[in-house]
């Protein structure tokens, strides 16, 4: 809001579609595996989000948001379709797969951060990558500390989408919110 956004809240579990007239979307963290069945069942929301992102809607997704943008979540109860925007299938472990503070350096073009920017955050997740259909060049962060997505990289970029396992603190990364608002405009 301080950067100029009017916030509209939406839920991929409870809402049947995205709100009309959104200009950007922030998908925060969480544990989508705990609602995998409901997220998967909400096909209209998933399809609309993927279609808008393919058409250029700015989307910034962290951890649970990253998983939701992927193809599937596989856990002990079954396999659940997600948005299908990013070519990745996630599995769920009994123990944390990534836990602690992270430091990444921006090393690739993206609409949110300049190359060379150092990003500090944290990761806490039980998910892991089971299948990745992209390439290392699709990831724009070099992970210095933490696990990241894979191969010491994080930050998957697709169109105006940036999806990462790293949770940033908005005040600790003052360029983040103004960038999202700038892209939305």
N, C-alpha and C. Protein backbone atom coordinates (compact mmCIF):
# COMPACT_ATOMS: atom_id res chain seq x y z
N UNK A 1 0.82 -1.19 0.00
CA UNK A 1 0.00 0.00 0.00
C UNK A 1 0.86 1.25 0.00
N UNK A 2 1.96 1.22 0.77
CA UNK A 2 2.85 2.38 0.81
C UNK A 2 3.49 2.64 -0.55
N UNK A 3 3.61 1.60 -1.37
CA UNK A 3 4.20 1.75 -2.71
C UNK A 3 3.16 2.17 -3.75
N UNK A 4 1.89 2.27 -3.33
CA UNK A 4 0.86 2.73 -4.24
C UNK A 4 -0.16 1.69 -4.67
N UNK A 5 -0.13 0.52 -4.10
CA UNK A 5 -1.07 -0.54 -4.49
C UNK A 5 -2.36 -0.44 -3.69
N UNK A 6 -3.45 -0.81 -4.33
CA UNK A 6 -4.71 -1.04 -3.63
C UNK A 6 -4.82 -2.56 -3.50
N UNK A 7 -4.81 -3.05 -2.27
CA UNK A 7 -4.79 -4.50 -2.04
C UNK A 7 -6.17 -5.11 -2.16
N UNK A 8 -6.23 -6.24 -2.83
CA UNK A 8 -7.44 -7.04 -2.97
C UNK A 8 -7.05 -8.45 -2.57
N UNK A 9 -7.77 -9.03 -1.64
CA UNK A 9 -7.43 -10.36 -1.16
C UNK A 9 -8.24 -11.41 -1.91
N UNK A 10 -7.58 -12.54 -2.18
CA UNK A 10 -8.21 -13.64 -2.88
C UNK A 10 -7.67 -14.95 -2.33
N UNK A 11 -8.45 -16.01 -2.48
CA UNK A 11 -8.05 -17.32 -1.97
C UNK A 11 -8.25 -18.39 -3.03
N UNK A 12 -7.19 -19.11 -3.40
CA UNK A 12 -7.35 -20.20 -4.36
C UNK A 12 -8.09 -21.41 -3.77
N UNK A 13 -8.34 -21.38 -2.48
CA UNK A 13 -9.12 -22.44 -1.85
C UNK A 13 -10.60 -22.05 -1.82
N UNK A 14 -10.89 -20.79 -1.46
CA UNK A 14 -12.28 -20.38 -1.22
C UNK A 14 -12.95 -19.63 -2.36
N UNK A 15 -12.19 -19.02 -3.25
CA UNK A 15 -12.78 -18.24 -4.34
C UNK A 15 -12.82 -19.07 -5.62
N UNK A 16 -13.89 -18.92 -6.38
CA UNK A 16 -14.03 -19.70 -7.61
C UNK A 16 -13.23 -19.11 -8.77
N UNK A 17 -12.84 -17.84 -8.65
CA UNK A 17 -12.03 -17.20 -9.69
C UNK A 17 -11.28 -16.02 -9.07
N UNK A 18 -10.31 -15.54 -9.81
CA UNK A 18 -9.58 -14.36 -9.38
C UNK A 18 -10.49 -13.14 -9.46
N UNK A 19 -10.24 -12.14 -8.64
CA UNK A 19 -11.04 -10.91 -8.72
C UNK A 19 -10.87 -10.25 -10.09
N UNK A 20 -11.91 -9.59 -10.53
CA UNK A 20 -11.83 -8.83 -11.78
C UNK A 20 -10.87 -7.66 -11.61
N UNK A 21 -10.23 -7.31 -12.69
CA UNK A 21 -9.40 -6.09 -12.76
C UNK A 21 -8.20 -6.09 -11.82
N UNK A 22 -7.56 -7.22 -11.64
CA UNK A 22 -6.30 -7.19 -10.90
C UNK A 22 -5.17 -6.90 -11.87
N UNK A 23 -4.15 -6.19 -11.39
CA UNK A 23 -3.03 -5.79 -12.24
C UNK A 23 -1.75 -6.55 -11.91
N UNK A 24 -1.73 -7.24 -10.77
CA UNK A 24 -0.58 -8.04 -10.36
C UNK A 24 -1.07 -8.98 -9.25
N UNK A 25 -0.27 -9.99 -8.97
CA UNK A 25 -0.66 -10.96 -7.95
C UNK A 25 0.56 -11.36 -7.13
N UNK A 26 0.41 -11.35 -5.83
CA UNK A 26 1.42 -11.87 -4.91
C UNK A 26 0.87 -13.15 -4.31
N UNK A 27 1.58 -14.25 -4.54
CA UNK A 27 1.22 -15.54 -3.96
C UNK A 27 2.21 -15.82 -2.85
N UNK A 28 1.77 -15.69 -1.63
CA UNK A 28 2.66 -15.86 -0.49
C UNK A 28 2.96 -17.30 -0.17
N UNK A 29 3.69 -17.48 0.89
CA UNK A 29 4.10 -18.81 1.32
C UNK A 29 2.98 -19.53 2.03
N UNK A 30 3.33 -20.63 2.60
CA UNK A 30 2.37 -21.49 3.27
C UNK A 30 2.67 -22.93 2.91
N UNK A 31 1.76 -23.78 3.18
CA UNK A 31 1.94 -25.20 2.93
C UNK A 31 0.80 -25.70 2.06
N UNK A 32 0.89 -25.52 0.74
CA UNK A 32 -0.21 -25.94 -0.12
C UNK A 32 -0.50 -27.43 -0.04
N UNK A 33 0.45 -28.21 0.41
CA UNK A 33 0.21 -29.65 0.53
C UNK A 33 -0.89 -29.95 1.55
N UNK A 34 -1.11 -29.03 2.51
CA UNK A 34 -2.17 -29.26 3.49
C UNK A 34 -3.56 -29.00 2.91
N UNK A 35 -3.62 -28.35 1.75
CA UNK A 35 -4.89 -28.08 1.07
C UNK A 35 -4.82 -28.56 -0.39
N UNK A 36 -3.98 -29.52 -0.66
CA UNK A 36 -3.74 -29.94 -2.05
C UNK A 36 -5.01 -30.38 -2.74
N UNK A 37 -5.85 -31.12 -2.06
CA UNK A 37 -7.09 -31.62 -2.66
C UNK A 37 -7.99 -30.45 -3.07
N UNK A 38 -8.15 -29.45 -2.17
CA UNK A 38 -9.01 -28.30 -2.47
C UNK A 38 -8.42 -27.43 -3.57
N UNK A 39 -7.11 -27.21 -3.51
CA UNK A 39 -6.46 -26.41 -4.55
C UNK A 39 -6.60 -27.07 -5.91
N UNK A 40 -6.41 -28.37 -5.95
CA UNK A 40 -6.53 -29.10 -7.21
C UNK A 40 -7.96 -29.08 -7.73
N UNK A 41 -8.92 -29.20 -6.83
CA UNK A 41 -10.33 -29.23 -7.24
C UNK A 41 -10.82 -27.90 -7.79
N UNK A 42 -10.16 -26.81 -7.44
CA UNK A 42 -10.59 -25.49 -7.90
C UNK A 42 -9.98 -25.20 -9.28
N UNK A 43 -10.42 -25.97 -10.26
CA UNK A 43 -9.82 -25.89 -11.61
C UNK A 43 -10.02 -24.54 -12.27
N UNK A 44 -11.17 -23.91 -12.10
CA UNK A 44 -11.41 -22.62 -12.75
C UNK A 44 -10.40 -21.58 -12.29
N UNK A 45 -10.10 -21.54 -11.01
CA UNK A 45 -9.13 -20.59 -10.46
C UNK A 45 -7.73 -20.89 -11.00
N UNK A 46 -7.36 -22.18 -10.96
CA UNK A 46 -6.03 -22.58 -11.45
C UNK A 46 -5.85 -22.22 -12.91
N UNK A 47 -6.84 -22.55 -13.74
CA UNK A 47 -6.74 -22.28 -15.17
C UNK A 47 -6.70 -20.79 -15.46
N UNK A 48 -7.53 -20.02 -14.75
CA UNK A 48 -7.55 -18.57 -14.96
C UNK A 48 -6.21 -17.96 -14.59
N UNK A 49 -5.65 -18.36 -13.47
CA UNK A 49 -4.36 -17.83 -13.05
C UNK A 49 -3.28 -18.16 -14.08
N UNK A 50 -3.20 -19.39 -14.53
CA UNK A 50 -2.19 -19.78 -15.52
C UNK A 50 -2.37 -19.01 -16.82
N UNK A 51 -3.61 -18.83 -17.25
CA UNK A 51 -3.89 -18.10 -18.49
C UNK A 51 -3.46 -16.63 -18.37
N UNK A 52 -3.78 -16.01 -17.25
CA UNK A 52 -3.40 -14.61 -17.04
C UNK A 52 -1.88 -14.45 -16.97
N UNK A 53 -1.21 -15.39 -16.30
CA UNK A 53 0.26 -15.32 -16.19
C UNK A 53 0.91 -15.51 -17.56
N UNK A 54 0.38 -16.42 -18.36
CA UNK A 54 0.91 -16.61 -19.72
C UNK A 54 0.72 -15.35 -20.57
N UNK A 55 -0.35 -14.61 -20.29
CA UNK A 55 -0.65 -13.39 -21.04
C UNK A 55 0.13 -12.18 -20.52
N UNK A 56 0.89 -12.36 -19.41
CA UNK A 56 1.75 -11.28 -18.93
C UNK A 56 1.42 -10.71 -17.57
N UNK A 57 0.40 -11.23 -16.86
CA UNK A 57 0.10 -10.71 -15.53
C UNK A 57 1.34 -10.85 -14.65
N UNK A 58 1.77 -9.77 -13.99
CA UNK A 58 2.88 -9.88 -13.05
C UNK A 58 2.47 -10.73 -11.84
N UNK A 59 3.26 -11.75 -11.55
CA UNK A 59 3.01 -12.62 -10.40
C UNK A 59 4.32 -12.81 -9.66
N UNK A 60 4.30 -12.54 -8.37
CA UNK A 60 5.45 -12.82 -7.51
C UNK A 60 5.01 -13.89 -6.54
N UNK A 61 5.70 -15.04 -6.53
CA UNK A 61 5.28 -16.19 -5.73
C UNK A 61 6.43 -16.67 -4.85
N UNK A 62 6.11 -16.90 -3.58
CA UNK A 62 7.10 -17.40 -2.63
C UNK A 62 6.67 -18.75 -2.08
N UNK A 63 7.56 -19.70 -2.13
CA UNK A 63 7.44 -21.02 -1.52
C UNK A 63 6.12 -21.71 -1.85
N UNK A 64 5.11 -21.58 -1.02
CA UNK A 64 3.82 -22.20 -1.32
C UNK A 64 3.25 -21.69 -2.64
N UNK A 65 3.49 -20.42 -2.94
CA UNK A 65 3.06 -19.86 -4.22
C UNK A 65 3.80 -20.49 -5.38
N UNK A 66 5.09 -20.73 -5.20
CA UNK A 66 5.90 -21.43 -6.21
C UNK A 66 5.31 -22.82 -6.47
N UNK A 67 5.01 -23.54 -5.42
CA UNK A 67 4.46 -24.89 -5.56
C UNK A 67 3.12 -24.84 -6.29
N UNK A 68 2.28 -23.88 -5.94
CA UNK A 68 0.97 -23.76 -6.56
C UNK A 68 1.08 -23.49 -8.06
N UNK A 69 2.12 -22.77 -8.48
CA UNK A 69 2.30 -22.49 -9.91
C UNK A 69 2.86 -23.69 -10.68
N UNK A 70 3.34 -24.71 -9.96
CA UNK A 70 3.90 -25.89 -10.60
C UNK A 70 2.83 -26.78 -11.22
N UNK A 71 3.28 -27.94 -11.67
CA UNK A 71 2.36 -28.89 -12.32
C UNK A 71 1.60 -29.75 -11.32
N UNK A 72 2.33 -30.31 -10.34
CA UNK A 72 1.69 -31.26 -9.43
C UNK A 72 2.38 -31.25 -8.06
N UNK A 73 1.61 -31.69 -7.07
CA UNK A 73 2.13 -32.05 -5.75
C UNK A 73 1.87 -33.54 -5.58
N UNK A 74 2.90 -34.28 -5.18
CA UNK A 74 2.76 -35.71 -4.92
C UNK A 74 3.05 -35.93 -3.44
N UNK A 75 2.09 -36.53 -2.74
CA UNK A 75 2.34 -36.88 -1.34
C UNK A 75 1.79 -38.28 -1.08
N UNK A 76 1.81 -38.69 0.16
CA UNK A 76 1.36 -40.04 0.50
C UNK A 76 -0.10 -40.30 0.20
N UNK A 77 -0.88 -39.24 0.06
CA UNK A 77 -2.32 -39.39 -0.21
C UNK A 77 -2.66 -39.40 -1.69
N UNK A 78 -1.72 -38.99 -2.55
CA UNK A 78 -2.01 -38.98 -3.97
C UNK A 78 -1.24 -37.93 -4.73
N UNK A 79 -1.67 -37.69 -5.95
CA UNK A 79 -1.08 -36.69 -6.83
C UNK A 79 -2.14 -35.66 -7.15
N UNK A 80 -1.79 -34.38 -6.99
CA UNK A 80 -2.75 -33.30 -7.15
C UNK A 80 -2.24 -32.29 -8.17
N UNK A 81 -3.09 -31.98 -9.14
CA UNK A 81 -2.75 -30.99 -10.15
C UNK A 81 -2.74 -29.60 -9.53
N UNK A 82 -1.74 -28.80 -9.93
CA UNK A 82 -1.69 -27.41 -9.54
C UNK A 82 -1.92 -26.57 -10.81
N UNK A 83 -1.41 -25.36 -10.88
CA UNK A 83 -1.70 -24.46 -12.01
C UNK A 83 -1.09 -24.92 -13.34
N UNK A 84 0.04 -25.64 -13.29
CA UNK A 84 0.66 -26.11 -14.52
C UNK A 84 1.41 -25.04 -15.28
N UNK A 85 1.69 -23.92 -14.65
CA UNK A 85 2.40 -22.83 -15.32
C UNK A 85 3.91 -23.11 -15.40
N UNK A 86 4.47 -23.64 -14.33
CA UNK A 86 5.90 -23.94 -14.28
C UNK A 86 6.10 -25.45 -14.40
N UNK A 87 7.12 -25.88 -15.17
CA UNK A 87 7.31 -27.31 -15.44
C UNK A 87 8.01 -28.05 -14.30
N UNK A 88 7.31 -28.15 -13.17
CA UNK A 88 7.91 -28.80 -12.01
C UNK A 88 6.85 -29.58 -11.25
N UNK A 89 7.26 -30.77 -10.77
CA UNK A 89 6.44 -31.58 -9.89
C UNK A 89 7.13 -31.62 -8.53
N UNK A 90 6.35 -31.40 -7.49
CA UNK A 90 6.89 -31.35 -6.13
C UNK A 90 6.46 -32.57 -5.35
N UNK A 91 7.37 -33.07 -4.51
CA UNK A 91 7.06 -34.13 -3.57
C UNK A 91 7.10 -33.55 -2.17
N UNK A 92 6.54 -34.27 -1.23
CA UNK A 92 6.49 -33.82 0.16
C UNK A 92 7.23 -34.83 1.04
N UNK A 93 8.12 -34.32 1.85
CA UNK A 93 8.92 -35.16 2.75
C UNK A 93 8.37 -35.10 4.17
N UNK A 94 8.74 -36.06 4.99
CA UNK A 94 8.34 -36.07 6.39
C UNK A 94 9.16 -35.08 7.22
N UNK A 95 10.36 -34.75 6.72
CA UNK A 95 11.25 -33.83 7.43
C UNK A 95 11.51 -32.61 6.56
N UNK A 96 11.90 -31.48 7.16
CA UNK A 96 12.16 -30.29 6.36
C UNK A 96 13.25 -30.52 5.30
N UNK A 97 13.00 -30.02 4.11
CA UNK A 97 13.95 -30.09 3.00
C UNK A 97 14.80 -28.83 2.91
N UNK A 98 14.30 -27.76 3.43
CA UNK A 98 15.02 -26.49 3.47
C UNK A 98 14.57 -25.73 4.70
N UNK A 99 15.54 -25.26 5.50
CA UNK A 99 15.18 -24.61 6.76
C UNK A 99 16.30 -23.67 7.17
N UNK A 100 16.02 -22.38 7.22
CA UNK A 100 17.01 -21.43 7.70
C UNK A 100 17.05 -20.17 6.84
N UNK A 101 18.02 -19.33 7.17
CA UNK A 101 18.19 -18.08 6.44
C UNK A 101 18.80 -18.34 5.07
N UNK A 102 18.48 -17.46 4.14
CA UNK A 102 19.00 -17.58 2.78
C UNK A 102 19.64 -16.26 2.35
N UNK A 103 20.61 -16.38 1.48
CA UNK A 103 21.19 -15.22 0.80
C UNK A 103 21.34 -15.62 -0.65
N UNK A 104 20.80 -14.80 -1.52
CA UNK A 104 20.90 -15.05 -2.96
C UNK A 104 21.35 -13.77 -3.64
N UNK A 105 21.99 -13.94 -4.78
CA UNK A 105 22.38 -12.82 -5.63
C UNK A 105 21.62 -12.93 -6.93
N UNK A 106 21.05 -11.82 -7.37
CA UNK A 106 20.31 -11.80 -8.63
C UNK A 106 21.33 -11.84 -9.77
N UNK A 107 21.20 -12.86 -10.63
CA UNK A 107 22.18 -13.06 -11.71
C UNK A 107 21.52 -13.15 -13.09
N UNK A 108 20.21 -12.93 -13.15
CA UNK A 108 19.54 -13.04 -14.44
C UNK A 108 18.44 -12.00 -14.58
N UNK A 109 18.11 -11.71 -15.82
CA UNK A 109 17.07 -10.71 -16.11
C UNK A 109 15.75 -11.14 -15.50
N UNK A 110 15.07 -10.19 -14.87
CA UNK A 110 13.75 -10.40 -14.32
C UNK A 110 13.12 -9.04 -14.10
N UNK A 111 11.82 -8.96 -13.99
CA UNK A 111 11.17 -7.66 -13.88
C UNK A 111 11.18 -7.05 -12.48
N UNK A 112 11.75 -7.73 -11.48
CA UNK A 112 11.63 -7.28 -10.10
C UNK A 112 12.92 -6.71 -9.50
N UNK A 113 14.05 -7.31 -9.83
CA UNK A 113 15.30 -6.94 -9.18
C UNK A 113 16.40 -6.73 -10.21
N UNK A 114 17.28 -5.78 -9.93
CA UNK A 114 18.44 -5.55 -10.80
C UNK A 114 19.48 -6.64 -10.57
N UNK A 115 20.22 -6.98 -11.62
CA UNK A 115 21.33 -7.92 -11.47
C UNK A 115 22.29 -7.40 -10.43
N UNK A 116 22.83 -8.31 -9.63
CA UNK A 116 23.77 -7.96 -8.58
C UNK A 116 23.11 -7.68 -7.24
N UNK A 117 21.80 -7.54 -7.20
CA UNK A 117 21.11 -7.30 -5.94
C UNK A 117 21.25 -8.51 -5.02
N UNK A 118 21.59 -8.25 -3.76
CA UNK A 118 21.66 -9.32 -2.77
C UNK A 118 20.32 -9.39 -2.05
N UNK A 119 19.76 -10.57 -1.98
CA UNK A 119 18.47 -10.79 -1.34
C UNK A 119 18.66 -11.69 -0.13
N UNK A 120 18.18 -11.22 1.01
CA UNK A 120 18.24 -12.00 2.24
C UNK A 120 16.83 -12.39 2.63
N UNK A 121 16.67 -13.65 3.01
CA UNK A 121 15.36 -14.13 3.39
C UNK A 121 15.48 -15.40 4.20
N UNK A 122 14.46 -16.23 4.12
CA UNK A 122 14.49 -17.52 4.80
C UNK A 122 13.69 -18.53 4.00
N UNK A 123 13.93 -19.80 4.30
CA UNK A 123 13.15 -20.88 3.71
C UNK A 123 12.80 -21.88 4.82
N UNK A 124 11.60 -22.39 4.73
CA UNK A 124 11.15 -23.46 5.63
C UNK A 124 10.13 -24.25 4.84
N UNK A 125 10.51 -25.45 4.47
CA UNK A 125 9.63 -26.23 3.60
C UNK A 125 9.88 -27.72 3.77
N UNK A 126 8.84 -28.46 3.47
CA UNK A 126 8.90 -29.91 3.44
C UNK A 126 8.89 -30.42 2.00
N UNK A 127 8.71 -29.53 1.07
CA UNK A 127 8.62 -29.94 -0.34
C UNK A 127 10.01 -30.08 -0.95
N UNK A 128 10.05 -30.87 -2.02
CA UNK A 128 11.27 -31.05 -2.79
C UNK A 128 10.89 -31.20 -4.26
N UNK A 129 11.84 -30.94 -5.12
CA UNK A 129 11.61 -31.06 -6.55
C UNK A 129 11.75 -32.52 -6.96
N UNK A 130 10.68 -33.08 -7.51
CA UNK A 130 10.73 -34.46 -8.03
C UNK A 130 11.09 -34.47 -9.51
N UNK A 131 10.57 -33.50 -10.25
CA UNK A 131 10.84 -33.42 -11.69
C UNK A 131 10.84 -31.96 -12.10
N UNK A 132 11.86 -31.58 -12.86
CA UNK A 132 12.02 -30.20 -13.33
C UNK A 132 12.19 -30.25 -14.84
N UNK A 133 11.27 -29.63 -15.55
CA UNK A 133 11.32 -29.62 -17.00
C UNK A 133 11.91 -28.36 -17.58
N UNK A 134 12.43 -27.49 -16.72
CA UNK A 134 13.06 -26.25 -17.18
C UNK A 134 14.56 -26.40 -17.27
N UNK A 135 15.26 -25.27 -17.34
CA UNK A 135 16.72 -25.27 -17.38
C UNK A 135 17.27 -24.29 -16.36
N UNK A 136 18.54 -24.44 -16.05
CA UNK A 136 19.17 -23.56 -15.07
C UNK A 136 19.02 -22.08 -15.44
N UNK A 137 18.99 -21.78 -16.73
CA UNK A 137 18.88 -20.39 -17.18
C UNK A 137 17.52 -19.78 -16.83
N UNK A 138 16.54 -20.61 -16.51
CA UNK A 138 15.22 -20.11 -16.11
C UNK A 138 15.23 -19.55 -14.69
N UNK A 139 16.31 -19.82 -13.94
CA UNK A 139 16.42 -19.37 -12.55
C UNK A 139 17.36 -18.19 -12.49
N UNK A 140 16.93 -17.12 -11.83
CA UNK A 140 17.67 -15.86 -11.86
C UNK A 140 18.37 -15.51 -10.55
N UNK A 141 18.33 -16.39 -9.56
CA UNK A 141 19.05 -16.18 -8.31
C UNK A 141 20.15 -17.22 -8.18
N UNK A 142 21.31 -16.79 -7.75
CA UNK A 142 22.38 -17.70 -7.35
C UNK A 142 22.34 -17.77 -5.83
N UNK A 143 22.12 -18.97 -5.29
CA UNK A 143 21.97 -19.14 -3.85
C UNK A 143 23.34 -19.26 -3.20
N UNK A 144 23.62 -18.33 -2.31
CA UNK A 144 24.89 -18.31 -1.58
C UNK A 144 24.73 -19.05 -0.26
N UNK A 145 23.59 -18.84 0.38
CA UNK A 145 23.29 -19.52 1.65
C UNK A 145 21.86 -20.05 1.54
N UNK A 146 21.67 -21.30 1.95
CA UNK A 146 20.36 -21.92 1.86
C UNK A 146 20.34 -22.95 0.75
N UNK A 147 19.23 -23.59 0.60
CA UNK A 147 19.12 -24.65 -0.38
C UNK A 147 18.63 -24.16 -1.73
N UNK A 148 17.69 -23.21 -1.73
CA UNK A 148 17.14 -22.74 -3.00
C UNK A 148 16.30 -23.80 -3.69
N UNK A 149 16.09 -23.60 -4.97
CA UNK A 149 15.25 -24.51 -5.76
C UNK A 149 16.03 -25.77 -6.14
N UNK A 150 17.16 -25.59 -6.83
CA UNK A 150 18.05 -26.71 -7.15
C UNK A 150 19.35 -26.15 -7.74
N UNK A 151 20.40 -26.93 -7.67
CA UNK A 151 21.70 -26.57 -8.25
C UNK A 151 22.19 -25.21 -7.76
N UNK A 152 21.93 -24.89 -6.50
CA UNK A 152 22.32 -23.61 -5.89
C UNK A 152 21.72 -22.43 -6.63
N UNK A 153 20.53 -22.65 -7.18
CA UNK A 153 19.80 -21.59 -7.87
C UNK A 153 18.37 -21.54 -7.33
N UNK A 154 17.74 -20.39 -7.56
CA UNK A 154 16.37 -20.18 -7.14
C UNK A 154 15.80 -19.08 -8.03
N UNK A 155 14.56 -18.72 -7.82
CA UNK A 155 13.97 -17.63 -8.57
C UNK A 155 13.65 -17.98 -10.02
N UNK A 156 12.61 -18.78 -10.24
CA UNK A 156 12.23 -19.17 -11.59
C UNK A 156 11.49 -18.01 -12.25
N UNK A 157 11.96 -17.66 -13.43
CA UNK A 157 11.34 -16.57 -14.17
C UNK A 157 10.63 -17.11 -15.39
N UNK A 158 9.38 -16.67 -15.58
CA UNK A 158 8.58 -16.98 -16.76
C UNK A 158 7.73 -15.75 -17.02
N UNK A 159 7.88 -15.12 -18.21
CA UNK A 159 7.18 -13.87 -18.51
C UNK A 159 7.39 -12.88 -17.37
N UNK A 160 6.30 -12.38 -16.79
CA UNK A 160 6.38 -11.46 -15.65
C UNK A 160 6.20 -12.18 -14.32
N UNK A 161 6.44 -13.49 -14.33
CA UNK A 161 6.33 -14.31 -13.13
C UNK A 161 7.73 -14.51 -12.55
N UNK A 162 7.85 -14.37 -11.24
CA UNK A 162 9.06 -14.75 -10.53
C UNK A 162 8.62 -15.57 -9.33
N UNK A 163 9.06 -16.83 -9.29
CA UNK A 163 8.64 -17.77 -8.25
C UNK A 163 9.88 -18.33 -7.57
N UNK A 164 9.90 -18.29 -6.25
CA UNK A 164 11.10 -18.65 -5.49
C UNK A 164 10.74 -19.37 -4.20
N UNK A 165 11.64 -20.22 -3.74
CA UNK A 165 11.47 -20.82 -2.42
C UNK A 165 11.75 -19.80 -1.31
N UNK A 166 12.55 -18.81 -1.60
CA UNK A 166 12.94 -17.83 -0.59
C UNK A 166 11.80 -16.89 -0.23
N UNK A 167 11.57 -16.74 1.06
CA UNK A 167 10.64 -15.74 1.57
C UNK A 167 11.45 -14.48 1.85
N UNK A 168 11.06 -13.38 1.24
CA UNK A 168 11.71 -12.10 1.52
C UNK A 168 10.90 -11.33 2.54
N UNK A 169 11.56 -10.47 3.28
CA UNK A 169 10.86 -9.53 4.15
C UNK A 169 10.79 -8.22 3.38
N UNK A 170 9.59 -7.71 3.16
CA UNK A 170 9.41 -6.53 2.30
C UNK A 170 10.23 -5.33 2.78
N UNK A 171 10.33 -5.12 4.09
CA UNK A 171 11.10 -3.98 4.58
C UNK A 171 12.61 -4.21 4.44
N UNK A 172 13.01 -5.48 4.44
CA UNK A 172 14.43 -5.79 4.25
C UNK A 172 14.83 -5.79 2.79
N UNK A 173 13.85 -5.74 1.91
CA UNK A 173 14.09 -5.69 0.46
C UNK A 173 13.24 -4.54 -0.09
N UNK A 174 13.67 -3.30 0.18
CA UNK A 174 12.81 -2.16 -0.13
C UNK A 174 12.48 -1.96 -1.61
N UNK A 175 13.20 -2.61 -2.51
CA UNK A 175 12.91 -2.45 -3.94
C UNK A 175 11.78 -3.37 -4.41
N UNK A 176 11.41 -4.37 -3.59
CA UNK A 176 10.44 -5.38 -4.02
C UNK A 176 9.04 -4.80 -4.29
N UNK A 177 8.43 -4.17 -3.31
CA UNK A 177 7.05 -3.68 -3.48
C UNK A 177 6.95 -2.61 -4.56
N UNK A 178 7.85 -1.62 -4.61
CA UNK A 178 7.76 -0.65 -5.70
C UNK A 178 7.92 -1.29 -7.08
N UNK A 179 8.73 -2.33 -7.19
CA UNK A 179 8.89 -3.02 -8.46
C UNK A 179 7.59 -3.70 -8.88
N UNK A 180 6.92 -4.37 -7.94
CA UNK A 180 5.67 -5.04 -8.25
C UNK A 180 4.61 -4.02 -8.69
N UNK A 181 4.56 -2.89 -8.01
CA UNK A 181 3.59 -1.85 -8.38
C UNK A 181 3.94 -1.25 -9.74
N UNK A 182 5.22 -1.02 -10.00
CA UNK A 182 5.66 -0.49 -11.31
C UNK A 182 5.27 -1.42 -12.44
N UNK A 183 5.48 -2.70 -12.27
CA UNK A 183 5.14 -3.67 -13.31
C UNK A 183 3.63 -3.74 -13.49
N UNK A 184 2.90 -3.65 -12.40
CA UNK A 184 1.43 -3.69 -12.47
C UNK A 184 0.89 -2.50 -13.27
N UNK A 185 1.53 -1.37 -13.11
CA UNK A 185 1.08 -0.16 -13.84
C UNK A 185 1.33 -0.33 -15.32
